[in-house]
């Protein structure tokens, strides 16, 4: 099976791009690149996130980019699920504050974190989990994988690394938030790392093997 040397990430999130680039380097020599280099109107990718689950959104984004530029495309849909909030914000994690009408002049990540913490004030159960679903459309097939990281929500934001909800999420068995870890430490076990590892295992079962660095 012919395999291109590039995979286009179906996302304009630079944090995701940088994180996935590092994870891909651990598995292959494939180059992961942003969509705006190969696709017109890449800012419209998010418009196809109309599904009620991570898988549907990830596949829709990957297919859109693949059809638009004919390169293999990787869709990523991820979210934070909080038990006390009945699994919310879930698929709406990135737009949690905006969709809730939460007034804020600060950046979206900070607004999301602030709103989530306000909803958990006094909550005895702070269990949560990060979920990442990947969908790779390549050579006429779609290969999907999921990674889940269990943990809990802190009472206050801690750490300056990472992005999104990382400053308030402590992985199970640890006492540091994801934002207090180095990228190398986070990439050993994060939900996105687990999904990437699972994706490459599945690709190899399809006979798609990539040379390791």
N, C-alpha and C. Protein backbone atom coordinates (compact mmCIF):
# COMPACT_ATOMS: atom_id res chain seq x y z
N UNK A 1 0.85 -1.20 0.00
CA UNK A 1 0.00 0.00 0.00
C UNK A 1 0.88 1.25 0.00
N UNK A 2 0.58 2.21 -0.91
CA UNK A 2 1.35 3.44 -0.95
C UNK A 2 1.00 4.30 0.24
N UNK A 3 2.02 4.90 0.87
CA UNK A 3 1.78 5.76 2.02
C UNK A 3 2.52 7.07 1.80
N UNK A 4 1.81 8.19 1.92
CA UNK A 4 2.43 9.49 1.75
C UNK A 4 3.33 9.80 2.95
N UNK A 5 4.25 10.72 2.75
CA UNK A 5 5.17 11.07 3.82
C UNK A 5 4.58 12.11 4.76
N UNK A 6 3.44 12.69 4.35
CA UNK A 6 2.81 13.74 5.15
C UNK A 6 1.40 13.33 5.55
N UNK A 7 1.02 13.75 6.74
CA UNK A 7 -0.37 13.61 7.19
C UNK A 7 -0.84 15.00 7.59
N UNK A 8 -2.02 15.38 7.12
CA UNK A 8 -2.55 16.70 7.43
C UNK A 8 -3.45 16.62 8.66
N UNK A 9 -3.15 17.43 9.66
CA UNK A 9 -3.98 17.45 10.87
C UNK A 9 -5.24 18.26 10.60
N UNK A 10 -6.39 17.68 10.82
CA UNK A 10 -7.67 18.36 10.59
C UNK A 10 -8.04 19.21 11.80
N UNK A 11 -7.16 20.15 12.11
CA UNK A 11 -7.39 21.05 13.24
C UNK A 11 -6.47 22.25 13.10
N UNK A 12 -6.96 23.40 13.52
CA UNK A 12 -6.15 24.62 13.53
C UNK A 12 -5.60 24.93 14.91
N UNK A 13 -5.75 23.96 15.82
CA UNK A 13 -5.26 24.13 17.19
C UNK A 13 -3.76 23.84 17.22
N UNK A 14 -2.96 24.88 17.39
CA UNK A 14 -1.50 24.71 17.37
C UNK A 14 -1.00 23.88 18.54
N UNK A 15 -1.72 23.93 19.67
CA UNK A 15 -1.32 23.11 20.82
C UNK A 15 -1.45 21.62 20.48
N UNK A 16 -2.55 21.26 19.84
CA UNK A 16 -2.75 19.87 19.42
C UNK A 16 -1.70 19.47 18.40
N UNK A 17 -1.44 20.35 17.46
CA UNK A 17 -0.46 20.06 16.41
C UNK A 17 0.91 19.76 17.01
N UNK A 18 1.36 20.61 17.92
CA UNK A 18 2.69 20.42 18.52
C UNK A 18 2.74 19.15 19.36
N UNK A 19 1.67 18.87 20.09
CA UNK A 19 1.64 17.67 20.92
C UNK A 19 1.64 16.41 20.06
N UNK A 20 0.81 16.40 19.03
CA UNK A 20 0.73 15.23 18.16
C UNK A 20 1.99 15.05 17.32
N UNK A 21 2.63 16.15 16.96
CA UNK A 21 3.91 16.05 16.24
C UNK A 21 4.92 15.25 17.06
N UNK A 22 5.02 15.60 18.34
CA UNK A 22 5.96 14.90 19.22
C UNK A 22 5.58 13.43 19.37
N UNK A 23 4.29 13.15 19.47
CA UNK A 23 3.83 11.77 19.64
C UNK A 23 4.07 10.95 18.37
N UNK A 24 3.87 11.57 17.21
CA UNK A 24 4.10 10.87 15.95
C UNK A 24 5.58 10.53 15.77
N UNK A 25 6.46 11.39 16.26
CA UNK A 25 7.89 11.14 16.13
C UNK A 25 8.32 9.89 16.89
N UNK A 26 7.55 9.54 17.91
CA UNK A 26 7.85 8.34 18.68
C UNK A 26 7.46 7.07 17.94
N UNK A 27 6.60 7.21 16.93
CA UNK A 27 6.05 6.05 16.24
C UNK A 27 6.50 5.91 14.79
N UNK A 28 6.85 7.01 14.14
CA UNK A 28 7.13 6.95 12.71
C UNK A 28 7.95 8.14 12.25
N UNK A 29 8.22 8.16 10.94
CA UNK A 29 8.90 9.28 10.32
C UNK A 29 7.93 10.19 9.57
N UNK A 30 6.66 9.97 9.77
CA UNK A 30 5.64 10.78 9.12
C UNK A 30 5.71 12.22 9.62
N UNK A 31 5.47 13.15 8.70
CA UNK A 31 5.43 14.56 9.06
C UNK A 31 3.98 14.99 9.21
N UNK A 32 3.65 15.52 10.37
CA UNK A 32 2.29 16.00 10.63
C UNK A 32 2.28 17.51 10.39
N UNK A 33 1.41 17.97 9.52
CA UNK A 33 1.42 19.38 9.14
C UNK A 33 0.04 20.01 9.33
N UNK A 34 -0.02 21.33 9.53
CA UNK A 34 -1.31 22.01 9.71
C UNK A 34 -2.07 22.09 8.40
N UNK A 35 -3.38 22.24 8.46
CA UNK A 35 -4.21 22.20 7.25
C UNK A 35 -4.07 23.41 6.34
N UNK A 36 -3.74 24.56 6.88
CA UNK A 36 -3.71 25.77 6.06
C UNK A 36 -2.62 25.74 4.98
N UNK A 37 -1.66 24.82 5.11
CA UNK A 37 -0.61 24.71 4.11
C UNK A 37 -1.09 23.99 2.85
N UNK A 38 -2.19 23.23 2.97
CA UNK A 38 -2.66 22.41 1.84
C UNK A 38 -4.15 22.56 1.54
N UNK A 39 -4.84 23.33 2.34
CA UNK A 39 -6.29 23.39 2.20
C UNK A 39 -6.79 24.83 2.26
N UNK A 40 -7.65 25.18 1.32
CA UNK A 40 -8.28 26.50 1.36
C UNK A 40 -9.36 26.52 2.43
N UNK A 41 -9.56 27.68 3.03
CA UNK A 41 -10.62 27.85 4.03
C UNK A 41 -10.52 26.84 5.17
N UNK A 42 -9.30 26.59 5.64
CA UNK A 42 -9.11 25.61 6.71
C UNK A 42 -9.80 26.02 8.00
N UNK A 43 -10.11 27.31 8.13
CA UNK A 43 -10.79 27.79 9.34
C UNK A 43 -12.21 27.24 9.45
N UNK A 44 -12.71 26.64 8.37
CA UNK A 44 -14.08 26.11 8.37
C UNK A 44 -14.15 24.65 8.80
N UNK A 45 -13.01 24.06 9.15
CA UNK A 45 -13.00 22.65 9.55
C UNK A 45 -13.96 22.40 10.71
N UNK A 46 -13.98 23.31 11.66
CA UNK A 46 -14.83 23.13 12.84
C UNK A 46 -16.31 23.09 12.55
N UNK A 47 -16.72 23.53 11.37
CA UNK A 47 -18.14 23.56 11.04
C UNK A 47 -18.74 22.17 10.90
N UNK A 48 -17.89 21.16 10.68
CA UNK A 48 -18.42 19.80 10.53
C UNK A 48 -18.50 19.07 11.87
N UNK A 49 -18.15 19.75 12.96
CA UNK A 49 -18.26 19.14 14.29
C UNK A 49 -19.71 19.21 14.76
N UNK A 50 -20.57 18.50 14.08
CA UNK A 50 -22.00 18.54 14.37
C UNK A 50 -22.51 17.24 14.99
N UNK A 51 -21.60 16.31 15.25
CA UNK A 51 -22.00 15.01 15.76
C UNK A 51 -22.10 15.03 17.29
N UNK A 52 -22.76 14.04 17.83
CA UNK A 52 -22.98 13.98 19.28
C UNK A 52 -21.93 13.16 20.01
N UNK A 53 -20.90 12.72 19.27
CA UNK A 53 -19.83 11.95 19.90
C UNK A 53 -18.48 12.31 19.30
N UNK A 54 -17.41 11.98 20.02
CA UNK A 54 -16.06 12.28 19.57
C UNK A 54 -15.75 11.60 18.22
N UNK A 55 -16.15 10.35 18.10
CA UNK A 55 -15.83 9.58 16.91
C UNK A 55 -16.41 10.22 15.66
N UNK A 56 -17.66 10.60 15.72
CA UNK A 56 -18.30 11.21 14.57
C UNK A 56 -17.62 12.50 14.15
N UNK A 57 -17.25 13.30 15.12
CA UNK A 57 -16.58 14.57 14.83
C UNK A 57 -15.18 14.35 14.25
N UNK A 58 -14.45 13.41 14.83
CA UNK A 58 -13.09 13.14 14.36
C UNK A 58 -13.10 12.64 12.91
N UNK A 59 -14.01 11.73 12.61
CA UNK A 59 -14.11 11.18 11.25
C UNK A 59 -14.53 12.27 10.26
N UNK A 60 -15.50 13.09 10.65
CA UNK A 60 -15.99 14.14 9.76
C UNK A 60 -14.87 15.12 9.39
N UNK A 61 -14.07 15.49 10.38
CA UNK A 61 -12.97 16.44 10.11
C UNK A 61 -11.90 15.80 9.23
N UNK A 62 -11.57 14.56 9.51
CA UNK A 62 -10.54 13.87 8.72
C UNK A 62 -10.99 13.70 7.27
N UNK A 63 -12.24 13.33 7.06
CA UNK A 63 -12.75 13.14 5.70
C UNK A 63 -12.81 14.45 4.93
N UNK A 64 -13.20 15.51 5.60
CA UNK A 64 -13.26 16.82 4.96
C UNK A 64 -11.89 17.23 4.43
N UNK A 65 -10.88 17.12 5.28
CA UNK A 65 -9.54 17.53 4.88
C UNK A 65 -8.97 16.60 3.80
N UNK A 66 -9.20 15.30 3.95
CA UNK A 66 -8.73 14.35 2.95
C UNK A 66 -9.33 14.62 1.57
N UNK A 67 -10.61 14.91 1.54
CA UNK A 67 -11.28 15.21 0.27
C UNK A 67 -10.81 16.53 -0.32
N UNK A 68 -10.42 17.45 0.55
CA UNK A 68 -10.02 18.77 0.09
C UNK A 68 -8.60 18.84 -0.45
N UNK A 69 -7.71 17.99 0.05
CA UNK A 69 -6.31 18.09 -0.39
C UNK A 69 -5.72 16.76 -0.87
N UNK A 70 -6.46 15.64 -0.68
CA UNK A 70 -6.07 14.31 -1.15
C UNK A 70 -4.83 13.75 -0.45
N UNK A 71 -4.45 14.35 0.66
CA UNK A 71 -3.41 13.77 1.50
C UNK A 71 -4.09 12.98 2.63
N UNK A 72 -3.39 12.03 3.23
CA UNK A 72 -3.93 11.39 4.43
C UNK A 72 -4.23 12.46 5.47
N UNK A 73 -5.34 12.32 6.18
CA UNK A 73 -5.76 13.36 7.13
C UNK A 73 -6.10 12.74 8.48
N UNK A 74 -5.71 13.46 9.52
CA UNK A 74 -5.94 13.00 10.90
C UNK A 74 -6.91 13.93 11.61
N UNK A 75 -8.03 13.35 12.06
CA UNK A 75 -8.98 14.10 12.85
C UNK A 75 -8.83 13.75 14.32
N UNK A 76 -8.90 14.76 15.17
CA UNK A 76 -8.78 14.57 16.62
C UNK A 76 -9.97 15.26 17.27
N UNK A 77 -10.73 14.51 18.05
CA UNK A 77 -11.77 15.14 18.86
C UNK A 77 -11.58 14.67 20.28
N UNK A 78 -11.44 15.63 21.17
CA UNK A 78 -11.11 15.31 22.56
C UNK A 78 -12.00 16.09 23.51
N UNK A 79 -12.07 15.62 24.75
CA UNK A 79 -12.88 16.33 25.72
C UNK A 79 -12.61 15.89 27.14
N UNK A 80 -13.07 16.71 28.07
CA UNK A 80 -12.98 16.42 29.49
C UNK A 80 -14.37 16.06 30.00
N UNK A 81 -14.48 14.93 30.66
CA UNK A 81 -15.76 14.48 31.20
C UNK A 81 -15.68 14.45 32.72
N UNK A 82 -16.53 15.23 33.36
CA UNK A 82 -16.53 15.35 34.82
C UNK A 82 -17.73 14.61 35.39
N UNK A 83 -17.47 13.69 36.29
CA UNK A 83 -18.53 12.84 36.83
C UNK A 83 -19.63 13.65 37.51
N UNK A 84 -19.26 14.63 38.32
CA UNK A 84 -20.24 15.44 39.05
C UNK A 84 -21.10 16.29 38.12
N UNK A 85 -20.63 16.48 36.88
CA UNK A 85 -21.39 17.27 35.91
C UNK A 85 -22.02 16.37 34.85
N UNK A 86 -22.19 15.09 35.21
CA UNK A 86 -22.82 14.11 34.32
C UNK A 86 -22.11 14.00 32.97
N UNK A 87 -20.78 14.05 33.01
CA UNK A 87 -19.99 13.88 31.80
C UNK A 87 -19.70 15.14 31.03
N UNK A 88 -20.23 16.26 31.47
CA UNK A 88 -19.95 17.53 30.80
C UNK A 88 -18.56 18.03 31.24
N UNK A 89 -17.92 18.87 30.45
CA UNK A 89 -18.37 19.46 29.19
C UNK A 89 -18.28 18.53 27.97
N UNK A 90 -17.54 17.41 28.06
CA UNK A 90 -17.52 16.42 26.98
C UNK A 90 -17.13 16.98 25.62
N UNK A 91 -17.94 16.69 24.59
CA UNK A 91 -17.60 17.12 23.23
C UNK A 91 -17.60 18.64 23.10
N UNK A 92 -18.18 19.32 24.07
CA UNK A 92 -18.22 20.78 24.02
C UNK A 92 -17.11 21.42 24.86
N UNK A 93 -16.11 20.65 25.23
CA UNK A 93 -15.07 21.13 26.14
C UNK A 93 -14.39 22.41 25.66
N UNK A 94 -14.05 22.48 24.38
CA UNK A 94 -13.32 23.64 23.86
C UNK A 94 -14.17 24.91 23.86
N UNK A 95 -15.50 24.76 23.79
CA UNK A 95 -16.39 25.92 23.72
C UNK A 95 -17.31 26.00 24.94
N UNK A 96 -16.87 25.38 26.03
CA UNK A 96 -17.69 25.27 27.23
C UNK A 96 -18.20 26.63 27.71
N UNK A 97 -17.28 27.57 27.91
CA UNK A 97 -17.65 28.89 28.42
C UNK A 97 -18.50 29.66 27.42
N UNK A 98 -18.11 29.59 26.16
CA UNK A 98 -18.82 30.32 25.12
C UNK A 98 -20.25 29.84 24.98
N UNK A 99 -20.44 28.52 24.96
CA UNK A 99 -21.78 27.96 24.82
C UNK A 99 -22.64 28.20 26.05
N UNK A 100 -21.98 28.39 27.20
CA UNK A 100 -22.71 28.62 28.45
C UNK A 100 -23.04 30.10 28.64
N UNK A 101 -22.59 30.95 27.73
CA UNK A 101 -22.84 32.38 27.86
C UNK A 101 -22.06 33.00 28.98
N UNK A 102 -20.94 32.35 29.34
CA UNK A 102 -20.12 32.83 30.46
C UNK A 102 -19.39 34.11 30.05
N UNK A 103 -19.63 35.21 30.74
CA UNK A 103 -18.99 36.48 30.38
C UNK A 103 -17.51 36.49 30.75
N UNK A 104 -16.66 36.76 29.77
CA UNK A 104 -15.24 36.81 30.05
C UNK A 104 -14.51 37.51 28.92
N UNK A 105 -13.53 38.32 29.31
CA UNK A 105 -12.71 39.02 28.31
C UNK A 105 -11.37 38.32 28.14
N UNK A 106 -11.16 37.26 28.93
CA UNK A 106 -9.89 36.55 28.87
C UNK A 106 -9.92 35.48 27.79
N UNK A 107 -8.79 34.78 27.60
CA UNK A 107 -8.76 33.78 26.55
C UNK A 107 -9.67 32.61 26.88
N UNK A 108 -10.02 31.86 25.85
CA UNK A 108 -11.03 30.81 25.98
C UNK A 108 -10.64 29.73 26.97
N UNK A 109 -9.38 29.30 26.96
CA UNK A 109 -8.94 28.26 27.89
C UNK A 109 -9.16 28.69 29.34
N UNK A 110 -8.76 29.91 29.66
CA UNK A 110 -8.92 30.42 31.03
C UNK A 110 -10.38 30.53 31.41
N UNK A 111 -11.21 30.96 30.47
CA UNK A 111 -12.64 31.08 30.74
C UNK A 111 -13.25 29.70 30.99
N UNK A 112 -12.86 28.70 30.20
CA UNK A 112 -13.37 27.34 30.39
C UNK A 112 -13.00 26.80 31.77
N UNK A 113 -11.74 27.00 32.15
CA UNK A 113 -11.26 26.52 33.45
C UNK A 113 -11.99 27.21 34.59
N UNK A 114 -12.14 28.52 34.46
CA UNK A 114 -12.81 29.30 35.50
C UNK A 114 -14.25 28.85 35.69
N UNK A 115 -14.95 28.65 34.59
CA UNK A 115 -16.35 28.21 34.66
C UNK A 115 -16.46 26.82 35.27
N UNK A 116 -15.59 25.90 34.84
CA UNK A 116 -15.65 24.54 35.36
C UNK A 116 -15.42 24.51 36.87
N UNK A 117 -14.42 25.24 37.32
CA UNK A 117 -14.14 25.27 38.76
C UNK A 117 -15.30 25.87 39.54
N UNK A 118 -15.95 26.86 38.97
CA UNK A 118 -17.09 27.48 39.67
C UNK A 118 -18.24 26.51 39.82
N UNK A 119 -18.40 25.60 38.86
CA UNK A 119 -19.48 24.63 38.92
C UNK A 119 -19.19 23.49 39.90
N UNK A 120 -17.92 23.35 40.28
CA UNK A 120 -17.54 22.27 41.19
C UNK A 120 -17.27 22.75 42.62
N UNK A 121 -17.56 23.99 42.91
CA UNK A 121 -17.35 24.50 44.27
C UNK A 121 -18.17 23.67 45.26
N UNK A 122 -17.50 23.10 46.26
CA UNK A 122 -18.17 22.30 47.28
C UNK A 122 -18.45 20.86 46.87
N UNK A 123 -18.07 20.49 45.65
CA UNK A 123 -18.33 19.12 45.17
C UNK A 123 -17.41 18.13 45.87
N UNK A 124 -17.99 17.06 46.40
CA UNK A 124 -17.19 16.05 47.09
C UNK A 124 -16.52 15.11 46.09
N UNK A 125 -17.20 14.84 45.00
CA UNK A 125 -16.66 13.95 43.97
C UNK A 125 -16.10 14.79 42.82
N UNK A 126 -14.81 14.72 42.64
CA UNK A 126 -14.17 15.53 41.60
C UNK A 126 -13.53 14.64 40.52
N UNK A 127 -14.02 13.39 40.43
CA UNK A 127 -13.47 12.48 39.43
C UNK A 127 -13.77 12.97 38.01
N UNK A 128 -12.81 12.75 37.13
CA UNK A 128 -12.96 13.18 35.74
C UNK A 128 -12.08 12.31 34.85
N UNK A 129 -12.27 12.46 33.57
CA UNK A 129 -11.39 11.76 32.64
C UNK A 129 -11.27 12.55 31.34
N UNK A 130 -10.10 12.47 30.75
CA UNK A 130 -9.85 13.04 29.44
C UNK A 130 -10.04 11.93 28.41
N UNK A 131 -10.71 12.26 27.31
CA UNK A 131 -10.93 11.31 26.22
C UNK A 131 -10.40 11.91 24.92
N UNK A 132 -9.67 11.10 24.17
CA UNK A 132 -9.20 11.52 22.85
C UNK A 132 -9.56 10.45 21.83
N UNK A 133 -10.21 10.86 20.76
CA UNK A 133 -10.51 9.95 19.66
C UNK A 133 -9.81 10.46 18.39
N UNK A 134 -9.06 9.58 17.76
CA UNK A 134 -8.36 9.91 16.53
C UNK A 134 -8.97 9.15 15.36
N UNK A 135 -9.02 9.79 14.21
CA UNK A 135 -9.49 9.14 12.98
C UNK A 135 -8.53 9.50 11.86
N UNK A 136 -7.92 8.50 11.26
CA UNK A 136 -6.99 8.72 10.16
C UNK A 136 -7.59 8.17 8.87
N UNK A 137 -7.81 9.05 7.91
CA UNK A 137 -8.30 8.65 6.60
C UNK A 137 -7.10 8.57 5.68
N UNK A 138 -6.81 7.36 5.22
CA UNK A 138 -5.61 7.13 4.41
C UNK A 138 -5.85 6.01 3.41
N UNK A 139 -5.54 6.27 2.17
CA UNK A 139 -5.65 5.27 1.11
C UNK A 139 -7.03 4.58 1.06
N UNK A 140 -8.07 5.38 1.23
CA UNK A 140 -9.42 4.85 1.09
C UNK A 140 -10.00 4.18 2.32
N UNK A 141 -9.24 4.14 3.42
CA UNK A 141 -9.77 3.54 4.64
C UNK A 141 -9.74 4.56 5.78
N UNK A 142 -10.52 4.29 6.80
CA UNK A 142 -10.55 5.15 7.98
C UNK A 142 -10.21 4.29 9.19
N UNK A 143 -9.12 4.62 9.87
CA UNK A 143 -8.68 3.88 11.05
C UNK A 143 -8.87 4.79 12.27
N UNK A 144 -9.53 4.26 13.29
CA UNK A 144 -9.83 5.08 14.47
C UNK A 144 -9.23 4.46 15.73
N UNK A 145 -9.01 5.31 16.73
CA UNK A 145 -8.46 4.84 18.00
C UNK A 145 -8.87 5.81 19.10
N UNK A 146 -8.89 5.30 20.32
CA UNK A 146 -9.29 6.13 21.46
C UNK A 146 -8.31 5.97 22.61
N UNK A 147 -8.12 7.04 23.35
CA UNK A 147 -7.30 7.01 24.55
C UNK A 147 -8.05 7.69 25.68
N UNK A 148 -8.00 7.10 26.88
CA UNK A 148 -8.71 7.65 28.04
C UNK A 148 -7.74 7.78 29.21
N UNK A 149 -7.74 8.95 29.84
CA UNK A 149 -6.90 9.20 31.00
C UNK A 149 -7.79 9.56 32.19
N UNK A 150 -7.80 8.70 33.20
CA UNK A 150 -8.61 8.93 34.40
C UNK A 150 -7.88 9.87 35.35
N UNK A 151 -8.67 10.61 36.14
CA UNK A 151 -8.05 11.51 37.10
C UNK A 151 -9.09 12.27 37.91
N UNK A 152 -8.71 13.45 38.37
CA UNK A 152 -9.62 14.26 39.16
C UNK A 152 -9.34 15.74 38.92
N UNK A 153 -10.31 16.58 39.28
CA UNK A 153 -10.20 18.02 39.10
C UNK A 153 -9.73 18.67 40.40
N UNK A 154 -8.75 19.55 40.28
CA UNK A 154 -8.25 20.27 41.45
C UNK A 154 -9.23 21.38 41.85
N UNK A 155 -8.94 22.02 42.96
CA UNK A 155 -9.76 23.15 43.38
C UNK A 155 -9.22 24.46 42.81
N UNK A 156 -7.94 24.47 42.44
CA UNK A 156 -7.32 25.66 41.87
C UNK A 156 -6.39 25.26 40.73
N UNK A 157 -6.23 26.14 39.76
CA UNK A 157 -5.33 25.88 38.64
C UNK A 157 -3.89 25.88 39.11
N UNK A 158 -3.11 24.94 38.58
CA UNK A 158 -1.70 24.82 38.96
C UNK A 158 -0.86 24.48 37.73
N UNK A 159 0.26 25.16 37.58
CA UNK A 159 1.20 24.85 36.50
C UNK A 159 1.04 25.76 35.29
N UNK A 160 2.13 25.93 34.57
CA UNK A 160 2.11 26.83 33.42
C UNK A 160 2.31 26.14 32.09
N UNK A 161 2.41 24.83 32.09
CA UNK A 161 2.61 24.10 30.83
C UNK A 161 1.27 23.60 30.29
N UNK A 162 1.32 22.88 29.18
CA UNK A 162 0.10 22.29 28.63
C UNK A 162 -0.86 23.32 28.09
N UNK A 163 -2.13 22.93 27.93
CA UNK A 163 -3.16 23.83 27.41
C UNK A 163 -4.53 23.30 27.81
N UNK A 164 -5.55 24.06 27.52
CA UNK A 164 -6.90 23.62 27.84
C UNK A 164 -7.13 23.47 29.34
N UNK A 165 -7.60 22.29 29.74
CA UNK A 165 -7.90 22.03 31.15
C UNK A 165 -6.72 21.41 31.91
N UNK A 166 -5.57 21.35 31.29
CA UNK A 166 -4.39 20.74 31.93
C UNK A 166 -4.08 21.29 33.33
N UNK A 167 -4.25 22.60 33.57
CA UNK A 167 -3.90 23.14 34.90
C UNK A 167 -4.80 22.67 36.04
N UNK A 168 -5.94 22.03 35.72
CA UNK A 168 -6.83 21.61 36.81
C UNK A 168 -7.08 20.10 36.79
N UNK A 169 -6.31 19.36 36.01
CA UNK A 169 -6.51 17.91 35.92
C UNK A 169 -5.30 17.17 36.47
N UNK A 170 -5.54 16.35 37.49
CA UNK A 170 -4.49 15.50 38.08
C UNK A 170 -4.73 14.06 37.66
N UNK A 171 -3.82 13.45 36.92
CA UNK A 171 -3.98 12.05 36.51
C UNK A 171 -4.03 11.12 37.72
N UNK A 172 -4.75 10.04 37.59
CA UNK A 172 -4.89 9.04 38.65
C UNK A 172 -3.52 8.55 39.09
N UNK A 173 -3.30 8.52 40.42
CA UNK A 173 -2.04 8.03 40.97
C UNK A 173 -0.95 9.08 41.04
N UNK A 174 -1.25 10.32 40.68
CA UNK A 174 -0.26 11.39 40.71
C UNK A 174 -0.72 12.52 41.63
N UNK A 175 0.19 13.44 41.93
CA UNK A 175 -0.17 14.61 42.72
C UNK A 175 0.14 15.91 41.99
N UNK A 176 0.44 15.79 40.70
CA UNK A 176 0.70 16.97 39.87
C UNK A 176 -0.36 17.07 38.78
N UNK A 177 -0.69 18.31 38.41
CA UNK A 177 -1.58 18.50 37.26
C UNK A 177 -0.79 18.27 35.98
N UNK A 178 -1.50 18.09 34.88
CA UNK A 178 -0.83 17.92 33.60
C UNK A 178 0.00 19.15 33.25
N UNK A 179 -0.43 20.30 33.73
CA UNK A 179 0.29 21.54 33.44
C UNK A 179 1.56 21.69 34.28
N UNK A 180 1.74 20.81 35.25
CA UNK A 180 2.96 20.83 36.06
C UNK A 180 3.99 19.82 35.56
N UNK A 181 3.65 19.13 34.49
CA UNK A 181 4.55 18.13 33.91
C UNK A 181 5.24 18.69 32.68
N UNK A 182 6.38 18.13 32.35
CA UNK A 182 7.03 18.50 31.10
C UNK A 182 6.28 17.81 29.96
N UNK A 183 6.51 18.29 28.74
CA UNK A 183 5.87 17.66 27.59
C UNK A 183 6.28 16.20 27.48
N UNK A 184 7.53 15.92 27.75
CA UNK A 184 8.02 14.54 27.67
C UNK A 184 7.29 13.65 28.67
N UNK A 185 7.08 14.15 29.89
CA UNK A 185 6.37 13.37 30.92
C UNK A 185 4.91 13.16 30.51
N UNK A 186 4.28 14.20 30.06
CA UNK A 186 2.87 14.11 29.67
C UNK A 186 2.68 13.14 28.52
N UNK A 187 3.60 13.15 27.58
CA UNK A 187 3.47 12.31 26.39
C UNK A 187 3.70 10.82 26.64
N UNK A 188 4.02 10.46 27.86
CA UNK A 188 4.18 9.05 28.19
C UNK A 188 2.84 8.37 28.43
N UNK A 189 1.83 9.15 28.86
CA UNK A 189 0.59 8.49 29.29
C UNK A 189 -0.68 9.31 29.05
N UNK A 190 -0.59 10.47 28.43
CA UNK A 190 -1.78 11.29 28.24
C UNK A 190 -2.82 10.57 27.39
N UNK A 191 -4.03 11.07 27.40
CA UNK A 191 -5.10 10.48 26.58
C UNK A 191 -4.74 10.54 25.10
N UNK A 192 -4.07 11.61 24.70
CA UNK A 192 -3.67 11.72 23.29
C UNK A 192 -2.52 10.77 22.97
N UNK A 193 -1.63 10.56 23.93
CA UNK A 193 -0.54 9.60 23.73
C UNK A 193 -1.09 8.19 23.60
N UNK A 194 -2.04 7.82 24.46
CA UNK A 194 -2.63 6.49 24.41
C UNK A 194 -3.38 6.27 23.10
N UNK A 195 -4.07 7.30 22.64
CA UNK A 195 -4.80 7.18 21.37
C UNK A 195 -3.84 7.03 20.20
N UNK A 196 -2.74 7.76 20.23
CA UNK A 196 -1.74 7.67 19.15
C UNK A 196 -1.11 6.29 19.11
N UNK A 197 -0.75 5.76 20.28
CA UNK A 197 -0.15 4.42 20.34
C UNK A 197 -1.11 3.38 19.78
N UNK A 198 -2.39 3.50 20.16
CA UNK A 198 -3.40 2.56 19.68
C UNK A 198 -3.61 2.69 18.18
N UNK A 199 -3.57 3.92 17.67
CA UNK A 199 -3.75 4.16 16.24
C UNK A 199 -2.67 3.46 15.42
N UNK A 200 -1.41 3.60 15.84
CA UNK A 200 -0.34 2.99 15.06
C UNK A 200 -0.36 1.46 15.14
N UNK A 201 -0.80 0.93 16.25
CA UNK A 201 -0.95 -0.53 16.34
C UNK A 201 -1.99 -1.00 15.33
N UNK A 202 -3.09 -0.28 15.24
CA UNK A 202 -4.15 -0.65 14.29
C UNK A 202 -3.69 -0.48 12.85
N UNK A 203 -2.92 0.57 12.59
CA UNK A 203 -2.43 0.79 11.23
C UNK A 203 -1.56 -0.38 10.78
N UNK A 204 -0.76 -0.88 11.70
CA UNK A 204 0.12 -1.99 11.34
C UNK A 204 -0.66 -3.27 11.11
N UNK A 205 -1.80 -3.43 11.77
CA UNK A 205 -2.63 -4.60 11.51
C UNK A 205 -3.27 -4.52 10.13
N UNK A 206 -3.37 -3.30 9.60
CA UNK A 206 -3.90 -3.10 8.24
C UNK A 206 -2.79 -3.20 7.21
N UNK A 207 -1.58 -3.53 7.66
CA UNK A 207 -0.48 -3.65 6.73
C UNK A 207 0.17 -2.33 6.39
N UNK A 208 -0.18 -1.29 7.14
CA UNK A 208 0.43 0.03 6.93
C UNK A 208 1.49 0.21 8.00
N UNK A 209 2.74 0.07 7.60
CA UNK A 209 3.83 0.15 8.57
C UNK A 209 4.73 1.33 8.21
N UNK A 210 5.16 2.05 9.23
CA UNK A 210 6.00 3.20 9.00
C UNK A 210 7.34 2.99 9.69
N UNK A 211 8.41 3.38 9.02
CA UNK A 211 9.74 3.24 9.60
C UNK A 211 9.86 4.09 10.85
N UNK A 212 10.38 3.50 11.88
CA UNK A 212 10.56 4.25 13.12
C UNK A 212 11.82 5.10 12.99
N UNK A 213 11.88 6.26 13.71
CA UNK A 213 13.06 7.11 13.63
C UNK A 213 14.30 6.40 14.15
